[in-house]
Structures are given as C-alpha cells and as structure tokens.
Amino acid sequence: MQTIQSSLPGTRGTYGFFREALEPDGFTLANWDYNAGYLDKKLDEAGMVFLRIPVRVQEGELDSEDAWLELGTPFVLKHVYREGIESDIGYYSAVASAAMNQFQEPVDKDAAVDEHWMRKAEAMVRELERRFA
C-alpha cells in the first residue's frame, strides 16, 4: 500500500454526490459497512491494482444517497493472488482469473506497487482534487 499526498482528506459530500461524480471514472463502493468503506478504482485489467479512497460516514448510512461522507487519504493497493488456479479448471483467461481471484485470499495483500500504477493513480487523484475543489 502506498499513500498519495492529497487535499482530498476532509472533503465532505453525500454518497449520492460522490457516486454520481466517480462512477463514470470506474469507481465503485467496496469493503463497506454502514459506517465506513472505500471508493475503489481498478487500475489494471487483472483486478490486482486499485486506487482506493477511504470514506467515513458522518451522518446516515453509507448505502443511502443522502448519507454524508468524509473522504480519507487515497492510496494504491496491489493484491497478488496464487497463479495456476485456472489450470485446475482446464483453461486460462483474464475473466476466469478474476472470477477465481474473488474467492481466494491474496498471497500478498500489500505487494509493492510499480511506479507506472502510482503515476496513473496520482494523475487521477489530481483530477479529483480539481473536481472537488
């Protein structure tokens, strides 16, 4: 996990506002409960590298459009999964790999993040800073 220095922490808005603003860019609500969660954007095709923005509920419940949220410090997260799972089912494809990965525990939940992904994530964060300024 690598954090990204940003002016986003402390930014507040409704879940509906953030969802509407971020869904077109590929962000989804992930690993959430009614008090906190993450807005995730998959950076790679394999679904192993994510830009993640923590959100904390200030008022309401997270799955409600009018819940008030506060953004936290964005970071990039890379999961590494065991390879070869697909060979057990007789074929390999990116779709099969992603489907199998969703059911297995990552070998490394916090693998080193390549500079390429950091630059991509930082560019997205800068765009969000401009958008939410």
N, C-alpha and C. Protein backbone atom coordinates (compact mmCIF):
# COMPACT_ATOMS: atom_id res chain seq x y z
N MET A 1 0.85 -1.17 0.00
CA MET A 1 0.00 0.00 0.00
C MET A 1 0.89 1.23 0.00
N GLN A 2 0.58 2.18 -0.86
CA GLN A 2 1.30 3.44 -0.90
C GLN A 2 0.29 4.58 -0.89
N THR A 3 0.42 5.45 0.12
CA THR A 3 -0.50 6.58 0.21
C THR A 3 -0.11 7.65 -0.81
N ILE A 4 -1.07 8.48 -1.12
CA ILE A 4 -0.86 9.60 -2.05
C ILE A 4 -1.18 10.88 -1.30
N GLN A 5 -0.21 11.78 -1.23
CA GLN A 5 -0.45 13.08 -0.60
C GLN A 5 -1.50 13.82 -1.41
N SER A 6 -2.49 14.34 -0.71
CA SER A 6 -3.63 14.91 -1.42
C SER A 6 -4.39 15.89 -0.54
N SER A 7 -5.15 16.75 -1.19
CA SER A 7 -6.04 17.65 -0.47
C SER A 7 -7.43 17.02 -0.30
N LEU A 8 -7.64 15.79 -0.77
CA LEU A 8 -8.95 15.14 -0.67
C LEU A 8 -9.39 14.83 0.76
N PRO A 9 -8.47 14.41 1.67
CA PRO A 9 -8.93 14.10 3.02
C PRO A 9 -9.67 15.28 3.65
N GLY A 10 -10.82 14.97 4.24
CA GLY A 10 -11.65 16.01 4.85
C GLY A 10 -12.73 16.53 3.93
N THR A 11 -12.66 16.20 2.63
CA THR A 11 -13.69 16.61 1.69
C THR A 11 -14.99 15.89 2.06
N ARG A 12 -16.07 16.65 2.12
CA ARG A 12 -17.37 16.09 2.51
C ARG A 12 -18.40 16.25 1.40
N GLY A 13 -19.31 15.31 1.36
CA GLY A 13 -20.41 15.34 0.41
C GLY A 13 -21.30 14.16 0.67
N THR A 14 -22.40 14.10 -0.04
CA THR A 14 -23.31 12.97 0.14
C THR A 14 -22.80 11.78 -0.67
N TYR A 15 -23.23 10.60 -0.26
CA TYR A 15 -22.88 9.40 -1.01
C TYR A 15 -23.38 9.54 -2.45
N GLY A 16 -24.58 10.07 -2.63
CA GLY A 16 -25.12 10.27 -3.97
C GLY A 16 -24.24 11.17 -4.81
N PHE A 17 -23.72 12.26 -4.22
CA PHE A 17 -22.83 13.17 -4.94
C PHE A 17 -21.56 12.45 -5.38
N PHE A 18 -20.90 11.76 -4.42
CA PHE A 18 -19.65 11.06 -4.76
C PHE A 18 -19.90 9.94 -5.76
N ARG A 19 -20.98 9.19 -5.60
CA ARG A 19 -21.28 8.11 -6.53
C ARG A 19 -21.47 8.66 -7.94
N GLU A 20 -22.27 9.71 -8.05
CA GLU A 20 -22.53 10.32 -9.36
C GLU A 20 -21.26 10.89 -9.98
N ALA A 21 -20.40 11.48 -9.16
CA ALA A 21 -19.16 12.09 -9.66
C ALA A 21 -18.11 11.06 -10.03
N LEU A 22 -18.10 9.90 -9.35
CA LEU A 22 -17.00 8.96 -9.51
C LEU A 22 -17.32 7.71 -10.34
N GLU A 23 -18.57 7.31 -10.40
CA GLU A 23 -18.92 6.11 -11.17
C GLU A 23 -18.50 6.19 -12.63
N PRO A 24 -18.65 7.35 -13.31
CA PRO A 24 -18.22 7.41 -14.71
C PRO A 24 -16.72 7.15 -14.89
N ASP A 25 -15.93 7.36 -13.83
CA ASP A 25 -14.49 7.10 -13.89
C ASP A 25 -14.15 5.69 -13.46
N GLY A 26 -15.15 4.87 -13.16
CA GLY A 26 -14.90 3.48 -12.81
C GLY A 26 -14.78 3.20 -11.33
N PHE A 27 -15.11 4.16 -10.48
CA PHE A 27 -15.06 3.93 -9.03
C PHE A 27 -16.31 3.18 -8.59
N THR A 28 -16.12 2.26 -7.64
CA THR A 28 -17.23 1.54 -7.03
C THR A 28 -17.05 1.53 -5.52
N LEU A 29 -18.14 1.37 -4.81
CA LEU A 29 -18.10 1.26 -3.36
C LEU A 29 -17.69 -0.16 -3.02
N ALA A 30 -16.65 -0.30 -2.16
CA ALA A 30 -16.13 -1.63 -1.83
C ALA A 30 -15.85 -1.75 -0.34
N ASN A 31 -15.85 -2.99 0.12
CA ASN A 31 -15.50 -3.31 1.51
C ASN A 31 -16.14 -2.34 2.49
N TRP A 32 -17.44 -2.22 2.44
CA TRP A 32 -18.12 -1.22 3.24
C TRP A 32 -19.06 -1.85 4.25
N ASP A 33 -19.31 -1.08 5.28
CA ASP A 33 -20.40 -1.36 6.20
C ASP A 33 -21.17 -0.05 6.31
N TYR A 34 -22.01 0.10 7.27
CA TYR A 34 -22.83 1.32 7.31
C TYR A 34 -22.09 2.53 7.85
N ASN A 35 -20.86 2.34 8.34
CA ASN A 35 -20.09 3.46 8.91
C ASN A 35 -18.89 3.87 8.10
N ALA A 36 -18.38 2.99 7.26
CA ALA A 36 -17.15 3.30 6.52
C ALA A 36 -17.03 2.35 5.33
N GLY A 37 -16.16 2.72 4.42
CA GLY A 37 -15.91 1.88 3.25
C GLY A 37 -14.83 2.51 2.40
N TYR A 38 -14.76 2.08 1.16
CA TYR A 38 -13.76 2.58 0.22
C TYR A 38 -14.41 2.82 -1.13
N LEU A 39 -13.95 3.85 -1.80
CA LEU A 39 -14.29 4.07 -3.19
C LEU A 39 -13.08 3.57 -3.98
N ASP A 40 -13.27 2.50 -4.72
CA ASP A 40 -12.19 1.82 -5.42
C ASP A 40 -12.26 2.03 -6.92
N LYS A 41 -11.08 2.21 -7.51
CA LYS A 41 -10.96 2.25 -8.96
C LYS A 41 -9.90 1.23 -9.36
N LYS A 42 -10.29 0.27 -10.16
CA LYS A 42 -9.36 -0.74 -10.66
C LYS A 42 -8.43 -0.06 -11.66
N LEU A 43 -7.12 -0.22 -11.46
CA LEU A 43 -6.14 0.41 -12.35
C LEU A 43 -5.63 -0.53 -13.43
N ASP A 44 -5.70 -1.83 -13.19
CA ASP A 44 -5.20 -2.80 -14.16
C ASP A 44 -6.32 -3.72 -14.62
N GLU A 45 -6.10 -4.39 -15.72
CA GLU A 45 -7.12 -5.29 -16.28
C GLU A 45 -7.31 -6.54 -15.43
N ALA A 46 -6.28 -6.98 -14.74
CA ALA A 46 -6.35 -8.21 -13.96
C ALA A 46 -7.08 -8.03 -12.63
N GLY A 47 -7.35 -6.78 -12.25
CA GLY A 47 -8.04 -6.53 -11.00
C GLY A 47 -7.18 -6.77 -9.78
N MET A 48 -5.90 -6.40 -9.89
CA MET A 48 -4.99 -6.57 -8.76
C MET A 48 -4.48 -5.25 -8.20
N VAL A 49 -4.59 -4.16 -8.96
CA VAL A 49 -4.08 -2.86 -8.52
C VAL A 49 -5.25 -1.88 -8.48
N PHE A 50 -5.41 -1.23 -7.32
CA PHE A 50 -6.55 -0.34 -7.11
C PHE A 50 -6.12 1.00 -6.52
N LEU A 51 -6.77 2.06 -6.99
CA LEU A 51 -6.75 3.33 -6.30
C LEU A 51 -7.90 3.26 -5.32
N ARG A 52 -7.62 3.50 -4.05
CA ARG A 52 -8.64 3.34 -3.01
C ARG A 52 -8.74 4.64 -2.20
N ILE A 53 -9.96 5.15 -2.07
CA ILE A 53 -10.21 6.34 -1.26
C ILE A 53 -11.13 5.94 -0.11
N PRO A 54 -10.60 5.99 1.12
CA PRO A 54 -11.45 5.65 2.27
C PRO A 54 -12.56 6.69 2.44
N VAL A 55 -13.73 6.24 2.89
CA VAL A 55 -14.83 7.13 3.23
C VAL A 55 -15.35 6.75 4.61
N ARG A 56 -15.69 7.76 5.37
CA ARG A 56 -16.28 7.55 6.69
C ARG A 56 -17.61 8.29 6.73
N VAL A 57 -18.62 7.62 7.24
CA VAL A 57 -19.95 8.21 7.32
C VAL A 57 -19.97 9.23 8.45
N GLN A 58 -20.46 10.42 8.15
CA GLN A 58 -20.62 11.47 9.15
C GLN A 58 -22.06 11.53 9.65
N GLU A 59 -22.98 11.18 8.74
CA GLU A 59 -24.40 11.19 9.09
C GLU A 59 -25.14 10.26 8.15
N GLY A 60 -25.99 9.40 8.68
CA GLY A 60 -26.77 8.48 7.87
C GLY A 60 -26.10 7.13 7.75
N GLU A 61 -26.52 6.36 6.73
CA GLU A 61 -25.97 5.05 6.45
C GLU A 61 -25.42 5.03 5.05
N LEU A 62 -24.26 4.41 4.89
CA LEU A 62 -23.48 4.52 3.66
C LEU A 62 -24.22 4.15 2.38
N ASP A 63 -25.15 3.24 2.41
CA ASP A 63 -25.83 2.88 1.17
C ASP A 63 -26.99 3.81 0.84
N SER A 64 -27.15 4.86 1.62
CA SER A 64 -28.22 5.83 1.39
C SER A 64 -27.67 7.01 0.59
N GLU A 65 -28.41 7.43 -0.44
CA GLU A 65 -27.98 8.53 -1.29
C GLU A 65 -27.68 9.81 -0.51
N ASP A 66 -28.42 10.04 0.58
CA ASP A 66 -28.24 11.30 1.32
C ASP A 66 -27.33 11.17 2.54
N ALA A 67 -26.63 10.04 2.68
CA ALA A 67 -25.65 9.91 3.77
C ALA A 67 -24.49 10.86 3.53
N TRP A 68 -24.06 11.57 4.57
CA TRP A 68 -22.93 12.48 4.46
C TRP A 68 -21.65 11.72 4.75
N LEU A 69 -20.68 11.86 3.82
CA LEU A 69 -19.41 11.15 3.92
C LEU A 69 -18.25 12.13 3.99
N GLU A 70 -17.15 11.66 4.54
CA GLU A 70 -15.90 12.41 4.53
C GLU A 70 -14.83 11.51 3.93
N LEU A 71 -14.08 12.06 2.96
CA LEU A 71 -13.02 11.30 2.31
C LEU A 71 -11.78 11.24 3.19
N GLY A 72 -11.04 10.15 3.05
CA GLY A 72 -9.77 9.98 3.74
C GLY A 72 -8.61 10.08 2.76
N THR A 73 -7.44 9.65 3.19
CA THR A 73 -6.23 9.72 2.37
C THR A 73 -6.22 8.61 1.33
N PRO A 74 -6.14 8.98 0.05
CA PRO A 74 -6.13 7.96 -1.00
C PRO A 74 -4.83 7.15 -0.97
N PHE A 75 -4.94 5.90 -1.44
CA PHE A 75 -3.75 5.06 -1.53
C PHE A 75 -3.91 4.06 -2.66
N VAL A 76 -2.78 3.49 -3.06
CA VAL A 76 -2.77 2.47 -4.10
C VAL A 76 -2.48 1.14 -3.42
N LEU A 77 -3.24 0.15 -3.79
CA LEU A 77 -3.17 -1.16 -3.18
C LEU A 77 -2.99 -2.20 -4.27
N LYS A 78 -2.08 -3.13 -4.05
CA LYS A 78 -1.88 -4.21 -5.01
C LYS A 78 -2.05 -5.54 -4.30
N HIS A 79 -2.91 -6.39 -4.84
CA HIS A 79 -3.11 -7.75 -4.34
C HIS A 79 -2.41 -8.71 -5.29
N VAL A 80 -1.70 -9.68 -4.74
CA VAL A 80 -1.09 -10.73 -5.55
C VAL A 80 -1.76 -12.04 -5.18
N TYR A 81 -2.30 -12.72 -6.19
CA TYR A 81 -3.00 -13.98 -5.99
C TYR A 81 -2.14 -15.14 -6.48
N ARG A 82 -2.44 -16.32 -5.97
CA ARG A 82 -1.74 -17.52 -6.44
C ARG A 82 -2.06 -17.71 -7.91
N GLU A 83 -1.03 -18.06 -8.66
CA GLU A 83 -1.24 -18.37 -10.07
C GLU A 83 -1.46 -19.86 -10.22
N GLY A 84 -2.06 -20.25 -11.31
CA GLY A 84 -2.26 -21.66 -11.58
C GLY A 84 -3.62 -22.17 -11.16
N ILE A 85 -4.41 -21.34 -10.49
CA ILE A 85 -5.74 -21.77 -10.08
C ILE A 85 -6.57 -22.17 -11.30
N GLU A 86 -6.45 -21.39 -12.38
CA GLU A 86 -7.25 -21.63 -13.57
C GLU A 86 -6.89 -22.94 -14.24
N SER A 87 -5.62 -23.38 -14.09
CA SER A 87 -5.23 -24.62 -14.75
C SER A 87 -6.01 -25.80 -14.18
N ASP A 88 -6.48 -25.68 -12.94
CA ASP A 88 -7.27 -26.73 -12.34
C ASP A 88 -8.64 -26.88 -13.01
N ILE A 89 -9.10 -25.82 -13.69
CA ILE A 89 -10.40 -25.90 -14.35
C ILE A 89 -10.25 -26.06 -15.86
N GLY A 90 -8.99 -26.20 -16.33
CA GLY A 90 -8.76 -26.57 -17.71
C GLY A 90 -8.55 -25.43 -18.70
N TYR A 91 -8.61 -24.20 -18.27
CA TYR A 91 -8.38 -23.11 -19.20
C TYR A 91 -7.90 -21.89 -18.43
N TYR A 92 -7.45 -20.90 -19.17
CA TYR A 92 -6.99 -19.67 -18.56
C TYR A 92 -7.54 -18.50 -19.37
N SER A 93 -8.08 -17.56 -18.69
CA SER A 93 -8.46 -16.31 -19.33
C SER A 93 -8.48 -15.25 -18.25
N ALA A 94 -8.42 -14.00 -18.65
CA ALA A 94 -8.48 -12.91 -17.67
C ALA A 94 -9.78 -12.96 -16.89
N VAL A 95 -10.87 -13.32 -17.57
CA VAL A 95 -12.17 -13.41 -16.89
C VAL A 95 -12.16 -14.54 -15.87
N ALA A 96 -11.62 -15.69 -16.25
CA ALA A 96 -11.55 -16.81 -15.31
C ALA A 96 -10.65 -16.47 -14.14
N SER A 97 -9.54 -15.80 -14.41
CA SER A 97 -8.62 -15.42 -13.34
C SER A 97 -9.30 -14.47 -12.36
N ALA A 98 -9.98 -13.47 -12.86
CA ALA A 98 -10.67 -12.52 -11.98
C ALA A 98 -11.76 -13.22 -11.19
N ALA A 99 -12.49 -14.13 -11.83
CA ALA A 99 -13.56 -14.85 -11.15
C ALA A 99 -13.00 -15.72 -10.03
N MET A 100 -11.91 -16.39 -10.28
CA MET A 100 -11.31 -17.25 -9.26
C MET A 100 -10.67 -16.41 -8.16
N ASN A 101 -10.03 -15.29 -8.50
CA ASN A 101 -9.36 -14.45 -7.52
C ASN A 101 -10.33 -13.88 -6.49
N GLN A 102 -11.57 -13.65 -6.90
CA GLN A 102 -12.52 -13.06 -5.95
C GLN A 102 -12.83 -14.01 -4.81
N PHE A 103 -12.56 -15.31 -4.97
CA PHE A 103 -12.87 -16.28 -3.93
C PHE A 103 -11.66 -16.75 -3.14
N GLN A 104 -10.47 -16.34 -3.54
CA GLN A 104 -9.29 -16.77 -2.81
C GLN A 104 -8.67 -15.61 -2.05
N GLU A 105 -8.01 -15.94 -0.98
CA GLU A 105 -7.29 -14.94 -0.19
C GLU A 105 -6.02 -14.57 -0.95
N PRO A 106 -5.70 -13.27 -1.07
CA PRO A 106 -4.47 -12.89 -1.75
C PRO A 106 -3.24 -13.46 -1.04
N VAL A 107 -2.24 -13.86 -1.83
CA VAL A 107 -0.97 -14.30 -1.27
C VAL A 107 -0.32 -13.13 -0.57
N ASP A 108 -0.41 -11.96 -1.18
CA ASP A 108 0.16 -10.74 -0.61
C ASP A 108 -0.86 -9.63 -0.79
N LYS A 109 -1.47 -9.19 0.32
CA LYS A 109 -2.48 -8.14 0.26
C LYS A 109 -1.86 -6.76 0.10
N ASP A 110 -0.58 -6.66 0.28
CA ASP A 110 0.10 -5.37 0.28
C ASP A 110 1.40 -5.45 -0.51
N ALA A 111 1.33 -5.92 -1.74
CA ALA A 111 2.51 -6.05 -2.59
C ALA A 111 3.02 -4.68 -3.02
N ALA A 112 4.29 -4.64 -3.39
CA ALA A 112 4.90 -3.39 -3.87
C ALA A 112 4.16 -2.93 -5.12
N VAL A 113 4.00 -1.63 -5.23
CA VAL A 113 3.27 -1.04 -6.36
C VAL A 113 4.26 -0.43 -7.34
N ASP A 114 4.16 -0.82 -8.61
CA ASP A 114 5.04 -0.29 -9.65
C ASP A 114 4.80 1.21 -9.83
N GLU A 115 5.84 1.91 -10.21
CA GLU A 115 5.76 3.36 -10.44
C GLU A 115 4.70 3.71 -11.48
N HIS A 116 4.56 2.87 -12.47
CA HIS A 116 3.56 3.11 -13.52
C HIS A 116 2.17 3.29 -12.90
N TRP A 117 1.81 2.41 -11.97
CA TRP A 117 0.50 2.49 -11.34
C TRP A 117 0.40 3.68 -10.41
N MET A 118 1.50 4.01 -9.74
CA MET A 118 1.49 5.17 -8.86
C MET A 118 1.25 6.45 -9.66
N ARG A 119 1.91 6.59 -10.80
CA ARG A 119 1.72 7.78 -11.64
C ARG A 119 0.28 7.86 -12.14
N LYS A 120 -0.27 6.73 -12.55
CA LYS A 120 -1.66 6.71 -13.02
C LYS A 120 -2.61 7.12 -11.90
N ALA A 121 -2.41 6.58 -10.70
CA ALA A 121 -3.26 6.89 -9.55
C ALA A 121 -3.10 8.35 -9.14
N GLU A 122 -1.88 8.85 -9.11
CA GLU A 122 -1.65 10.25 -8.74
C GLU A 122 -2.33 11.20 -9.72
N ALA A 123 -2.29 10.88 -11.01
CA ALA A 123 -2.97 11.71 -12.00
C ALA A 123 -4.47 11.73 -11.76
N MET A 124 -5.04 10.59 -11.40
CA MET A 124 -6.47 10.52 -11.11
C MET A 124 -6.80 11.33 -9.86
N VAL A 125 -5.97 11.23 -8.84
CA VAL A 125 -6.20 11.99 -7.60
C VAL A 125 -6.13 13.49 -7.89
N ARG A 126 -5.18 13.92 -8.70
CA ARG A 126 -5.08 15.36 -9.04
C ARG A 126 -6.35 15.82 -9.76
N GLU A 127 -6.88 14.99 -10.65
CA GLU A 127 -8.12 15.33 -11.33
C GLU A 127 -9.27 15.44 -10.33
N LEU A 128 -9.34 14.54 -9.38
CA LEU A 128 -10.39 14.59 -8.37
C LEU A 128 -10.23 15.82 -7.48
N GLU A 129 -9.01 16.20 -7.17
CA GLU A 129 -8.78 17.41 -6.38
C GLU A 129 -9.33 18.64 -7.11
N ARG A 130 -9.08 18.71 -8.42
CA ARG A 130 -9.61 19.83 -9.21
C ARG A 130 -11.14 19.80 -9.22
N ARG A 131 -11.68 18.63 -9.40
CA ARG A 131 -13.12 18.45 -9.50
C ARG A 131 -13.84 18.83 -8.19
N PHE A 132 -13.24 18.47 -7.06
CA PHE A 132 -13.90 18.69 -5.77
C PHE A 132 -13.43 19.96 -5.07
N ALA A 133 -12.59 20.76 -5.72
CA ALA A 133 -12.07 21.99 -5.08
C ALA A 133 -13.16 23.02 -4.91
